PDB file of N, CA and C in Angstrom:
ATOM      1  N   MET A   1      -1.555  -5.276  13.203  1.00  0.00           N
ATOM      2  CA  MET A   1      -1.394  -4.988  11.781  1.00  0.00           C
ATOM      3  C   MET A   1      -2.438  -5.393  10.967  1.00  0.00           C
ATOM      4  N   SER A   2      -3.115  -4.404  10.192  1.00  0.00           N
ATOM      5  CA  SER A   2      -4.152  -4.953   9.326  1.00  0.00           C
ATOM      6  C   SER A   2      -3.717  -5.657   8.086  1.00  0.00           C
ATOM      7  N   ILE A   3      -4.653  -6.430   7.349  1.00  0.00           N
ATOM      8  CA  ILE A   3      -4.212  -7.150   6.203  1.00  0.00           C
ATOM      9  C   ILE A   3      -3.498  -6.270   5.130  1.00  0.00           C
ATOM     10  N   THR A   4      -3.922  -4.963   5.126  1.00  0.00           N
ATOM     11  CA  THR A   4      -3.345  -4.061   3.897  1.00  0.00           C
ATOM     12  C   THR A   4      -2.526  -3.104   4.594  1.00  0.00           C
ATOM     13  N   ASN A   5      -2.352  -3.179   5.629  1.00  0.00           N
ATOM     14  CA  ASN A   5      -1.590  -2.209   6.369  1.00  0.00           C
ATOM     15  C   ASN A   5      -1.930  -0.675   6.196  1.00  0.00           C
ATOM     16  N   PHE A   6      -3.157  -0.265   6.013  1.00  0.00           N
ATOM     17  CA  PHE A   6      -3.760   0.985   5.732  1.00  0.00           C
ATOM     18  C   PHE A   6      -3.696   1.643   7.042  1.00  0.00           C
ATOM     19  N   ASN A   7      -3.847   0.979   8.122  1.00  0.00           N
ATOM     20  CA  ASN A   7      -3.750   1.585   9.411  1.00  0.00           C
ATOM     21  C   ASN A   7      -2.516   2.299   9.597  1.00  0.00           C
ATOM     22  N   ASP A   8      -1.264   1.696   9.041  1.00  0.00           N
ATOM     23  CA  ASP A   8      -0.145   2.414   9.150  1.00  0.00           C
ATOM     24  C   ASP A   8      -0.178   3.713   8.548  1.00  0.00           C
ATOM     25  N   PHE A   9      -1.023   3.996   7.504  1.00  0.00           N
ATOM     26  CA  PHE A   9      -0.873   5.123   6.657  1.00  0.00           C
ATOM     27  C   PHE A   9      -2.009   6.076   7.064  1.00  0.00           C
ATOM     28  N   ASP A  10      -2.904   5.614   8.062  1.00  0.00           N
ATOM     29  CA  ASP A  10      -3.858   6.611   8.641  1.00  0.00           C
ATOM     30  C   ASP A  10      -4.540   7.212   7.540  1.00  0.00           C
ATOM     31  N   LEU A  11      -5.286   6.366   6.587  1.00  0.00           N
ATOM     32  CA  LEU A  11      -6.057   7.036   5.452  1.00  0.00           C
ATOM     33  C   LEU A  11      -7.320   7.599   5.907  1.00  0.00           C
ATOM     34  N   ASN A  12      -7.586   7.455   7.235  1.00  0.00           N
ATOM     35  CA  ASN A  12      -8.760   8.147   7.802  1.00  0.00           C
ATOM     36  C   ASN A  12      -8.443   9.508   8.302  1.00  0.00           C
ATOM     37  N   GLU A  13      -7.319  10.113   7.968  1.00  0.00           N
ATOM     38  CA  GLU A  13      -6.946  11.440   8.442  1.00  0.00           C
ATOM     39  C   GLU A  13      -7.836  12.412   7.807  1.00  0.00           C
ATOM     40  N   SER A  14      -7.847  13.395   8.496  1.00  0.00           N
ATOM     41  CA  SER A  14      -8.772  14.706   7.932  1.00  0.00           C
ATOM     42  C   SER A  14      -8.237  15.096   6.520  1.00  0.00           C
ATOM     43  N   TYR A  15      -9.272  15.459   5.778  1.00  0.00           N
ATOM     44  CA  TYR A  15      -8.782  15.678   4.388  1.00  0.00           C
ATOM     45  C   TYR A  15      -8.084  16.894   4.265  1.00  0.00           C
ATOM     46  N   ALA A  16      -7.765  17.753   5.405  1.00  0.00           N
ATOM     47  CA  ALA A  16      -7.036  18.903   5.400  1.00  0.00           C
ATOM     48  C   ALA A  16      -5.442  18.448   5.447  1.00  0.00           C
ATOM     49  N   GLU A  17      -5.451  17.152   5.800  1.00  0.00           N
ATOM     50  CA  GLU A  17      -3.876  16.634   5.999  1.00  0.00           C
ATOM     51  C   GLU A  17      -3.726  15.638   5.076  1.00  0.00           C
ATOM     52  N   PHE A  18      -4.620  15.507   4.163  1.00  0.00           N
ATOM     53  CA  PHE A  18      -4.443  14.456   3.095  1.00  0.00           C
ATOM     54  C   PHE A  18      -3.383  14.541   2.345  1.00  0.00           C
ATOM     55  N   ASN A  19      -2.270  13.765   2.154  1.00  0.00           N
ATOM     56  CA  ASN A  19      -1.043  13.811   1.483  1.00  0.00           C
ATOM     57  C   ASN A  19      -0.654  12.633   0.598  1.00  0.00           C
ATOM     58  N   PRO A  20      -1.442  12.352  -0.523  1.00  0.00           N
ATOM     59  CA  PRO A  20      -1.261  11.182  -1.288  1.00  0.00           C
ATOM     60  C   PRO A  20       0.071  10.896  -1.745  1.00  0.00           C
ATOM     61  N   GLN A  21       0.849  11.929  -2.084  1.00  0.00           N
ATOM     62  CA  GLN A  21       2.235  11.742  -2.446  1.00  0.00           C
ATOM     63  C   GLN A  21       2.948  10.997  -1.431  1.00  0.00           C
ATOM     64  N   ALA A  22       2.923  11.410  -0.022  1.00  0.00           N
ATOM     65  CA  ALA A  22       3.515  10.753   1.036  1.00  0.00           C
ATOM     66  C   ALA A  22       3.143   9.280   1.231  1.00  0.00           C
ATOM     67  N   MET A  23       1.797   9.222   1.164  1.00  0.00           N
ATOM     68  CA  MET A  23       1.192   7.807   1.209  1.00  0.00           C
ATOM     69  C   MET A  23       1.673   6.908   0.088  1.00  0.00           C
ATOM     70  N   ALA A  24       1.633   7.338  -1.021  1.00  0.00           N
ATOM     71  CA  ALA A  24       2.249   6.569  -2.243  1.00  0.00           C
ATOM     72  C   ALA A  24       3.747   6.268  -2.114  1.00  0.00           C
ATOM     73  N   GLU A  25       4.464   7.078  -1.644  1.00  0.00           N
ATOM     74  CA  GLU A  25       5.808   6.754  -1.399  1.00  0.00           C
ATOM     75  C   GLU A  25       5.941   5.636  -0.338  1.00  0.00           C
ATOM     76  N   ARG A  26       5.184   5.754   0.791  1.00  0.00           N
ATOM     77  CA  ARG A  26       5.245   4.801   1.824  1.00  0.00           C
ATOM     78  C   ARG A  26       4.696   3.373   1.251  1.00  0.00           C
ATOM     79  N   LEU A  27       3.705   3.356   0.651  1.00  0.00           N
ATOM     80  CA  LEU A  27       3.380   2.078  -0.267  1.00  0.00           C
ATOM     81  C   LEU A  27       4.241   1.658  -1.164  1.00  0.00           C
ATOM     82  N   LYS A  28       4.860   2.391  -1.806  1.00  0.00           N
ATOM     83  CA  LYS A  28       5.901   1.850  -2.847  1.00  0.00           C
ATOM     84  C   LYS A  28       7.133   1.300  -2.094  1.00  0.00           C
ATOM     85  N   ARG A  29       7.435   1.816  -0.967  1.00  0.00           N
ATOM     86  CA  ARG A  29       8.561   1.338  -0.226  1.00  0.00           C
ATOM     87  C   ARG A  29       8.255   0.039   0.524  1.00  0.00           C
ATOM     88  N   ARG A  30       6.973  -0.119   0.976  1.00  0.00           N
ATOM     89  CA  ARG A  30       6.391  -1.376   1.392  1.00  0.00           C
ATOM     90  C   ARG A  30       6.463  -2.563   0.387  1.00  0.00           C
ATOM     91  N   GLU A  31       6.027  -2.118  -0.747  1.00  0.00           N
ATOM     92  CA  GLU A  31       5.995  -2.917  -1.765  1.00  0.00           C
ATOM     93  C   GLU A  31       7.360  -3.481  -2.222  1.00  0.00           C
ATOM     94  N   GLN A  32       8.375  -2.509  -2.379  1.00  0.00           N
ATOM     95  CA  GLN A  32       9.664  -2.923  -2.609  1.00  0.00           C
ATOM     96  C   GLN A  32      10.244  -3.873  -1.482  1.00  0.00           C
ATOM     97  N   GLN A  33       9.855  -3.593  -0.282  1.00  0.00           N
ATOM     98  CA  GLN A  33      10.505  -4.546   0.914  1.00  0.00           C
ATOM     99  C   GLN A  33       9.810  -5.984   0.655  1.00  0.00           C
ATOM    100  N   ASN A  34       8.505  -5.949   0.133  1.00  0.00           N
ATOM    101  CA  ASN A  34       7.889  -7.283   0.026  1.00  0.00           C
ATOM    102  C   ASN A  34       8.591  -8.008  -1.254  1.00  0.00           C
ATOM    103  N   ILE A  35       8.833  -7.214  -2.270  1.00  0.00           N
ATOM    104  CA  ILE A  35       9.433  -7.843  -3.367  1.00  0.00           C
ATOM    105  C   ILE A  35      10.786  -8.356  -3.068  1.00  0.00           C
ATOM    106  N   GLU A  36      11.612  -7.629  -2.272  1.00  0.00           N
ATOM    107  CA  GLU A  36      12.967  -8.117  -1.689  1.00  0.00           C
ATOM    108  C   GLU A  36      12.863  -9.392  -0.879  1.00  0.00           C
ATOM    109  N   ARG A  37      11.781  -9.351   0.037  1.00  0.00           N
ATOM    110  CA  ARG A  37      11.576 -10.500   0.838  1.00  0.00           C
ATOM    111  C   ARG A  37      11.021 -11.789  -0.084  1.00  0.00           C
ATOM    112  N   TYR A  38      10.281 -11.446  -1.005  1.00  0.00           N
ATOM    113  CA  TYR A  38       9.820 -12.563  -1.990  1.00  0.00           C
ATOM    114  C   TYR A  38      11.040 -13.180  -2.813  1.00  0.00           C
ATOM    115  N   ARG A  39      11.996 -12.224  -3.030  1.00  0.00           N
ATOM    116  CA  ARG A  39      13.147 -12.867  -3.913  1.00  0.00           C
ATOM    117  C   ARG A  39      14.014 -13.647  -2.864  1.00  0.00           C
ATOM    118  N   ALA A  40      14.146 -13.238  -1.707  1.00  0.00           N
ATOM    119  CA  ALA A  40      14.894 -13.999  -0.704  1.00  0.00           C
ATOM    120  C   ALA A  40      14.235 -15.346  -0.377  1.00  0.00           C
ATOM    121  N   ALA A  41      13.132 -15.267  -0.419  1.00  0.00           N
ATOM    122  CA  ALA A  41      12.169 -16.506   0.082  1.00  0.00           C
ATOM    123  C   ALA A  41      12.492 -17.517  -1.275  1.00  0.00           C
ATOM    124  N   GLN A  42      12.487 -16.865  -2.432  1.00  0.00           N
ATOM    125  CA  GLN A  42      12.838 -17.808  -3.637  1.00  0.00           C
ATOM    126  C   GLN A  42      14.207 -18.405  -3.600  1.00  0.00           C
ATOM    127  N   ASP A  43      15.271 -17.507  -3.077  1.00  0.00           N
ATOM    128  CA  ASP A  43      16.613 -18.037  -3.114  1.00  0.00           C
ATOM    129  C   ASP A  43      16.589 -19.103  -1.997  1.00  0.00           C
ATOM    130  N   ARG A  44      15.922 -19.089  -1.040  1.00  0.00           N
ATOM    131  CA  ARG A  44      15.936 -20.278  -0.065  1.00  0.00           C
ATOM    132  C   ARG A  44      14.989 -21.339  -0.159  1.00  0.00           C
ATOM    133  N   VAL A  45      14.242 -21.099  -1.186  1.00  0.00           N
ATOM    134  CA  VAL A  45      13.262 -22.177  -1.502  1.00  0.00           C
ATOM    135  C   VAL A  45      12.282 -22.318  -0.276  1.00  0.00           C
ATOM    136  N   ASP A  46      11.837 -21.301   0.198  1.00  0.00           N
ATOM    137  CA  ASP A  46      10.926 -21.519   1.311  1.00  0.00           C
ATOM    138  C   ASP A  46       9.332 -21.209   0.607  1.00  0.00           C
ATOM    139  N   ASN A  47       8.891 -22.243   0.239  1.00  0.00           N
ATOM    140  CA  ASN A  47       7.537 -22.165  -0.379  1.00  0.00           C
ATOM    141  C   ASN A  47       6.422 -21.292   0.342  1.00  0.00           C
ATOM    142  N   TYR A  48       6.360 -21.667   1.740  1.00  0.00           N
ATOM    143  CA  TYR A  48       5.582 -20.733   2.462  1.00  0.00           C
ATOM    144  C   TYR A  48       5.685 -19.273   2.263  1.00  0.00           C
ATOM    145  N   ALA A  49       6.869 -18.950   2.478  1.00  0.00           N
ATOM    146  CA  ALA A  49       7.216 -17.496   2.196  1.00  0.00           C
ATOM    147  C   ALA A  49       6.958 -16.917   0.979  1.00  0.00           C
ATOM    148  N   ILE A  50       7.506 -17.720  -0.133  1.00  0.00           N
ATOM    149  CA  ILE A  50       7.255 -17.250  -1.446  1.00  0.00           C
ATOM    150  C   ILE A  50       5.655 -16.939  -1.741  1.00  0.00           C
ATOM    151  N   GLN A  51       4.825 -17.899  -1.260  1.00  0.00           N
ATOM    152  CA  GLN A  51       3.332 -17.567  -1.598  1.00  0.00           C
ATOM    153  C   GLN A  51       2.855 -16.406  -0.765  1.00  0.00           C
ATOM    154  N   TYR A  52       3.308 -16.400   0.532  1.00  0.00           N
ATOM    155  CA  TYR A  52       2.856 -15.413   1.581  1.00  0.00           C
ATOM    156  C   TYR A  52       3.431 -13.871   0.858  1.00  0.00           C
ATOM    157  N   TYR A  53       4.528 -13.814   0.338  1.00  0.00           N
ATOM    158  CA  TYR A  53       4.941 -12.430  -0.143  1.00  0.00           C
ATOM    159  C   TYR A  53       4.405 -12.228  -1.518  1.00  0.00           C
ATOM    160  N   LYS A  54       4.118 -13.279  -2.289  1.00  0.00           N
ATOM    161  CA  LYS A  54       3.259 -12.960  -3.468  1.00  0.00           C
ATOM    162  C   LYS A  54       1.938 -12.442  -3.153  1.00  0.00           C
ATOM    163  N   TYR A  55       1.330 -12.862  -2.186  1.00  0.00           N
ATOM    164  CA  TYR A  55       0.100 -12.263  -1.752  1.00  0.00           C
ATOM    165  C   TYR A  55       0.237 -10.731  -1.351  1.00  0.00           C
ATOM    166  N   ARG A  56       1.411 -10.545  -0.443  1.00  0.00           N
ATOM    167  CA  ARG A  56       1.423  -9.367   0.066  1.00  0.00           C
ATOM    168  C   ARG A  56       1.780  -8.373  -1.067  1.00  0.00           C
ATOM    169  N   ILE A  57       2.480  -8.570  -2.154  1.00  0.00           N
ATOM    170  CA  ILE A  57       2.853  -7.654  -3.360  1.00  0.00           C
ATOM    171  C   ILE A  57       1.360  -7.397  -3.952  1.00  0.00           C
ATOM    172  N   GLN A  58       0.510  -8.525  -4.081  1.00  0.00           N
ATOM    173  CA  GLN A  58      -0.686  -8.302  -4.722  1.00  0.00           C
ATOM    174  C   GLN A  58      -1.588  -7.204  -3.866  1.00  0.00           C
ATOM    175  N   LEU A  59      -1.510  -7.442  -2.487  1.00  0.00           N
ATOM    176  CA  LEU A  59      -2.087  -6.406  -1.614  1.00  0.00           C
ATOM    177  C   LEU A  59      -1.660  -5.174  -1.773  1.00  0.00           C
ATOM    178  N   ASP A  60      -0.277  -4.951  -1.898  1.00  0.00           N
ATOM    179  CA  ASP A  60       0.310  -3.794  -2.218  1.00  0.00           C
ATOM    180  C   ASP A  60      -0.200  -2.958  -3.366  1.00  0.00           C
ATOM    181  N   LYS A  61      -0.424  -3.677  -4.503  1.00  0.00           N
ATOM    182  CA  LYS A  61      -0.874  -3.148  -5.679  1.00  0.00           C
ATOM    183  C   LYS A  61      -2.432  -2.596  -5.599  1.00  0.00           C
ATOM    184  N   ILE A  62      -3.233  -3.482  -4.730  1.00  0.00           N
ATOM    185  CA  ILE A  62      -4.585  -3.230  -4.448  1.00  0.00           C
ATOM    186  C   ILE A  62      -4.548  -1.737  -3.713  1.00  0.00           C
ATOM    187  N   ASP A  63      -3.613  -1.740  -2.573  1.00  0.00           N
ATOM    188  CA  ASP A  63      -3.636  -0.491  -1.783  1.00  0.00           C
ATOM    189  C   ASP A  63      -3.203   0.598  -2.623  1.00  0.00           C
ATOM    190  N   LEU A  64      -2.282   0.659  -3.659  1.00  0.00           N
ATOM    191  CA  LEU A  64      -1.864   1.633  -4.407  1.00  0.00           C
ATOM    192  C   LEU A  64      -3.059   2.119  -5.198  1.00  0.00           C
ATOM    193  N   GLU A  65      -3.816   1.173  -5.765  1.00  0.00           N
ATOM    194  CA  GLU A  65      -5.124   1.505  -6.355  1.00  0.00           C
ATOM    195  C   GLU A  65      -6.167   2.234  -5.602  1.00  0.00           C
ATOM    196  N   LYS A  66      -6.259   1.588  -4.361  1.00  0.00           N
ATOM    197  CA  LYS A  66      -7.297   2.397  -3.413  1.00  0.00           C
ATOM    198  C   LYS A  66      -6.760   3.731  -3.136  1.00  0.00           C
ATOM    199  N   LEU A  67      -5.393   3.840  -2.969  1.00  0.00           N
ATOM    200  CA  LEU A  67      -4.944   5.324  -2.746  1.00  0.00           C
ATOM    201  C   LEU A  67      -5.381   6.302  -3.985  1.00  0.00           C
ATOM    202  N   LYS A  68      -5.296   5.763  -5.107  1.00  0.00           N
ATOM    203  CA  LYS A  68      -5.591   6.546  -6.313  1.00  0.00           C
ATOM    204  C   LYS A  68      -7.172   6.993  -6.291  1.00  0.00           C
ATOM    205  N   LEU A  69      -7.946   6.028  -5.730  1.00  0.00           N
ATOM    206  CA  LEU A  69      -9.472   6.218  -5.633  1.00  0.00           C
ATOM    207  C   LEU A  69      -9.809   7.244  -4.530  1.00  0.00           C
ATOM    208  N   LEU A  70      -9.023   7.096  -3.329  1.00  0.00           N
ATOM    209  CA  LEU A  70      -9.209   8.050  -2.367  1.00  0.00           C
ATOM    210  C   LEU A  70      -8.720   9.426  -2.689  1.00  0.00           C
ATOM    211  N   THR A  71      -7.584   9.546  -3.603  1.00  0.00           N
ATOM    212  CA  THR A  71      -7.002  10.734  -4.137  1.00  0.00           C
ATOM    213  C   THR A  71      -8.245  11.501  -4.972  1.00  0.00           C
ATOM    214  N   ALA A  72      -8.937  10.734  -5.891  1.00  0.00           N
ATOM    215  CA  ALA A  72      -9.825  11.275  -6.639  1.00  0.00           C
ATOM    216  C   ALA A  72     -11.049  11.689  -5.948  1.00  0.00           C
ATOM    217  N   ILE A  73     -11.277  11.018  -4.701  1.00  0.00           N
ATOM    218  CA  ILE A  73     -12.464  11.299  -3.771  1.00  0.00           C
ATOM    219  C   ILE A  73     -12.146  12.541  -3.332  1.00  0.00           C
ATOM    220  N   HIS A  74     -10.841  12.846  -2.621  1.00  0.00           N
ATOM    221  CA  HIS A  74     -10.499  13.985  -1.946  1.00  0.00           C
ATOM    222  C   HIS A  74     -10.655  15.197  -2.970  1.00  0.00           C
ATOM    223  N   LYS A  75     -10.093  14.935  -4.235  1.00  0.00           N
ATOM    224  CA  LYS A  75     -10.184  15.980  -5.228  1.00  0.00           C
ATOM    225  C   LYS A  75     -11.685  16.347  -5.530  1.00  0.00           C
ATOM    226  N   LEU A  76     -12.585  15.430  -5.553  1.00  0.00           N
ATOM    227  CA  LEU A  76     -13.999  15.770  -5.930  1.00  0.00           C
ATOM    228  C   LEU A  76     -14.515  16.507  -4.672  1.00  0.00           C
ATOM    229  N   LYS A  77     -14.164  16.209  -3.417  1.00  0.00           N
ATOM    230  CA  LYS A  77     -14.739  16.889  -2.275  1.00  0.00           C
ATOM    231  C   LYS A  77     -14.260  18.303  -2.287  1.00  0.00           C
ATOM    232  N   GLN A  78     -12.997  18.510  -2.717  1.00  0.00           N
ATOM    233  CA  GLN A  78     -12.425  19.790  -2.793  1.00  0.00           C
ATOM    234  C   GLN A  78     -13.116  20.757  -3.593  1.00  0.00           C
ATOM    235  N   THR A  79     -13.627  20.125  -4.764  1.00  0.00           N
ATOM    236  CA  THR A  79     -14.438  20.965  -5.796  1.00  0.00           C
ATOM    237  C   THR A  79     -15.770  21.481  -5.036  1.00  0.00           C
ATOM    238  N   LYS A  80     -16.339  20.759  -4.184  1.00  0.00           N
ATOM    239  CA  LYS A  80     -17.600  21.086  -3.625  1.00  0.00           C
ATOM    240  C   LYS A  80     -17.448  22.187  -2.571  1.00  0.00           C
ATOM    241  N   LYS A  81     -16.305  22.502  -2.052  1.00  0.00           N
ATOM    242  CA  LYS A  81     -16.175  23.439  -1.042  1.00  0.00           C
ATOM    243  C   LYS A  81     -16.298  24.807  -1.334  1.00  0.00           C
TER     244      LYS A  81
END
Protein backbone atom coordinates (compact mmCIF):
# COMPACT_ATOMS: atom_id res chain seq x y z
CA MET A 1 0.00 0.00 0.00
CA SER A 2 1.38 3.37 -0.93
CA ILE A 3 1.42 6.26 1.49
CA THR A 4 -1.54 7.96 -0.18
CA ASN A 5 -3.23 4.83 -1.51
CA PHE A 6 -3.39 6.35 -4.99
CA ASN A 7 -2.30 2.97 -6.31
CA ASP A 8 -5.70 1.73 -5.14
CA PHE A 9 -7.35 4.24 -7.43
CA ASP A 10 -5.12 3.66 -10.44
CA LEU A 11 -4.71 7.34 -11.23
CA ASN A 12 -2.39 6.36 -14.05
CA GLU A 13 -5.31 4.86 -15.94
CA SER A 14 -5.78 6.02 -19.49
CA TYR A 15 -7.55 9.31 -19.87
CA ALA A 16 -10.29 7.62 -21.88
CA GLU A 17 -11.23 5.76 -18.69
CA PHE A 18 -10.68 8.72 -16.34
CA ASN A 19 -13.59 8.87 -13.91
CA PRO A 20 -13.05 11.59 -11.30
CA GLN A 21 -16.50 11.11 -9.74
CA ALA A 22 -15.82 7.45 -8.95
CA MET A 23 -12.35 8.25 -7.62
CA ALA A 24 -13.71 11.09 -5.47
CA GLU A 25 -16.34 8.76 -4.06
CA ARG A 26 -13.70 6.16 -3.14
CA LEU A 27 -11.47 8.81 -1.59
CA LYS A 28 -14.35 10.20 0.46
CA ARG A 29 -15.25 6.70 1.67
CA ARG A 30 -11.63 6.15 2.67
CA GLU A 31 -11.59 9.49 4.49
CA GLN A 32 -14.80 8.59 6.33
CA GLN A 33 -13.28 5.25 7.41
CA ASN A 34 -10.21 7.03 8.72
CA ILE A 35 -12.37 9.53 10.61
CA GLU A 36 -14.30 6.65 12.21
CA ARG A 37 -11.04 4.92 13.14
CA TYR A 38 -9.70 8.20 14.55
CA ARG A 39 -12.77 8.59 16.76
CA ALA A 40 -12.51 4.97 17.92
CA ALA A 41 -8.85 5.56 18.80
CA GLN A 42 -9.90 8.62 20.82
CA ASP A 43 -12.51 6.54 22.66
CA ARG A 44 -9.91 3.94 23.68
CA VAL A 45 -7.25 6.64 24.33
CA ASP A 46 -4.74 5.05 21.93
CA ASN A 47 -2.33 7.94 21.37
CA TYR A 48 -0.44 6.15 18.59
CA ALA A 49 -3.62 5.43 16.62
CA ILE A 50 -4.96 8.93 17.25
CA GLN A 51 -1.88 10.48 15.69
CA TYR A 52 -1.74 7.87 12.91
CA TYR A 53 -5.32 8.48 11.79
CA LYS A 54 -4.90 12.23 12.16
CA TYR A 55 -2.10 11.96 9.58
CA ARG A 56 -4.18 9.62 7.39
CA ILE A 57 -7.04 12.15 7.35
CA GLN A 58 -4.59 14.89 6.32
CA LEU A 59 -3.37 12.65 3.48
CA ASP A 60 -6.97 12.03 2.42
CA LYS A 61 -7.48 15.78 2.08
CA ILE A 62 -4.29 16.07 0.01
CA ASP A 63 -5.44 13.19 -2.21
CA LEU A 64 -8.78 14.91 -2.81
CA GLU A 65 -6.93 18.10 -3.80
CA LYS A 66 -4.66 16.05 -6.07
CA LEU A 67 -7.73 14.56 -7.74
CA LYS A 68 -9.07 18.07 -8.41
CA LEU A 69 -5.79 18.98 -10.11
CA LEU A 70 -5.73 15.74 -12.12
CA THR A 71 -9.29 16.46 -13.23
CA ALA A 72 -8.28 19.95 -14.35
CA ILE A 73 -5.33 18.49 -16.27
CA HIS A 74 -7.63 15.92 -17.87
CA LYS A 75 -10.07 18.64 -18.95
CA LEU A 76 -7.22 20.72 -20.35
CA LYS A 77 -5.93 17.76 -22.36
CA GLN A 78 -9.44 17.14 -23.68
CA THR A 79 -9.57 20.67 -25.11
CA LYS A 80 -6.39 20.03 -27.09
CA LYS A 81 -7.77 16.96 -28.90
